[in-house]
Protein backbone atom coordinates (compact mmCIF):
# COMPACT_ATOMS: atom_id res chain seq x y z
CA MET A 1 -10.62 14.28 0.61
CA ASP A 2 -7.51 15.27 -1.25
CA GLY A 3 -6.57 11.66 -2.54
CA THR A 4 -3.52 11.26 -0.41
CA LYS A 5 -4.74 7.96 1.01
CA GLU A 6 -5.26 6.72 -2.43
CA ARG A 7 -1.74 7.82 -3.45
CA VAL A 8 -0.35 6.07 -0.38
CA LEU A 9 -2.13 2.87 -1.25
CA ASN A 10 -1.05 2.90 -4.85
CA ALA A 11 2.56 3.48 -3.65
CA VAL A 12 2.63 0.53 -1.21
CA ALA A 13 0.65 -1.81 -3.59
CA ARG A 14 3.82 -1.89 -5.79
CA ARG A 15 6.01 -2.75 -2.77
CA PRO A 16 6.14 -2.04 0.99
CA LYS A 17 7.47 1.37 1.94
CA THR A 18 8.45 3.28 5.05
CA ILE A 19 6.98 6.71 5.90
CA ALA A 20 10.34 8.20 4.80
CA HIS A 21 10.01 6.54 1.50
CA LEU A 22 6.43 7.54 1.01
CA ALA A 23 7.07 11.13 1.96
CA LYS A 24 9.83 11.42 -0.66
CA GLU A 25 7.99 9.67 -3.31
CA LEU A 26 4.70 11.56 -2.83
CA GLY A 27 6.40 14.94 -2.11
CA LEU A 28 4.72 15.31 1.27
CA SER A 29 6.12 15.86 4.74
CA GLN A 30 6.77 12.96 6.96
CA PRO A 31 4.22 14.23 9.67
CA THR A 32 1.62 14.40 6.86
CA ILE A 33 2.25 10.83 5.76
CA HIS A 34 2.48 9.61 9.39
CA THR A 35 -1.19 11.02 9.97
CA HIS A 36 -2.45 9.25 6.83
CA VAL A 37 -0.63 6.07 7.67
CA ASN A 38 -2.03 5.92 11.22
CA ASP A 39 -5.58 6.67 9.95
CA MET A 40 -5.11 3.75 7.45
CA LEU A 41 -3.74 1.40 10.08
CA LYS A 42 -6.75 2.18 12.22
CA SER A 43 -9.20 1.55 9.41
CA GLU A 44 -7.22 -1.66 8.47
CA LEU A 45 -6.44 -0.36 4.93
CA LEU A 46 -2.71 -0.86 5.72
CA CYS A 47 -0.61 -3.24 7.83
CA GLU A 48 2.92 -3.49 8.84
CA SER A 49 4.78 -5.56 6.52
CA ALA A 50 5.98 -8.85 7.83
CA GLN A 51 8.22 -9.48 4.77
CA VAL A 52 10.32 -6.45 5.02
CA LYS A 53 12.38 -5.64 8.14
CA LYS A 54 15.57 -3.66 7.41
CA HIS A 55 15.83 -1.35 10.39
CA PRO A 56 14.25 -1.79 13.84
CA ALA A 57 13.24 1.98 13.96
CA GLU A 58 11.47 1.96 10.55
CA ASN A 59 8.26 0.05 9.80
CA TYR A 60 7.38 -0.90 6.26
CA TYR A 61 3.68 -0.75 5.34
CA GLU A 62 1.53 -2.58 2.81
CA PRO A 63 -2.04 -2.96 1.86
CA ASN A 64 -4.17 -5.12 4.14
CA PHE A 65 -5.78 -6.82 1.39
CA PRO A 66 -4.79 -8.66 -1.88
CA VAL A 67 -3.81 -6.56 -4.77
CA VAL A 68 -4.65 -7.92 -8.28
CA THR A 69 -2.73 -6.23 -11.00
CA ALA A 70 -4.16 -5.72 -14.44
CA ALA A 71 -2.03 -8.29 -15.91
CA GLU A 72 -3.10 -10.81 -13.26
CA ARG A 73 -6.73 -9.97 -13.83
CA ALA A 74 -6.23 -10.57 -17.53
CA ALA A 75 -4.60 -14.03 -16.92
CA PHE A 76 -7.58 -15.01 -14.73
CA GLU A 77 -10.31 -13.58 -16.87
CA PRO A 78 -10.49 -16.60 -19.36
CA ILE A 79 -10.66 -18.98 -16.34
CA CYS A 80 -13.61 -17.04 -14.75
CA LYS A 81 -15.47 -16.97 -18.04
CA ALA A 82 -15.03 -20.73 -18.43
CA LEU A 83 -16.57 -21.23 -15.13
CA GLU A 84 -19.78 -19.30 -16.09
């Protein structure tokens, strides 16, 4: 594996993106991104974003799981330790 799927996940974790946005950001062709996105939709790593609909011909994609940032983790860590 070349890490492209990981790069896609990292990109959409920041905010939902289209295939065109991902291709530009990652420096890859749209057909390459489309293949990876389709694979990730089938494996349920990605889903179509229900929050972002700017153009009917473009779908926005986001992770199909909660994303916890380092700052959020740091904020919750004391709470979790207190529950131990």
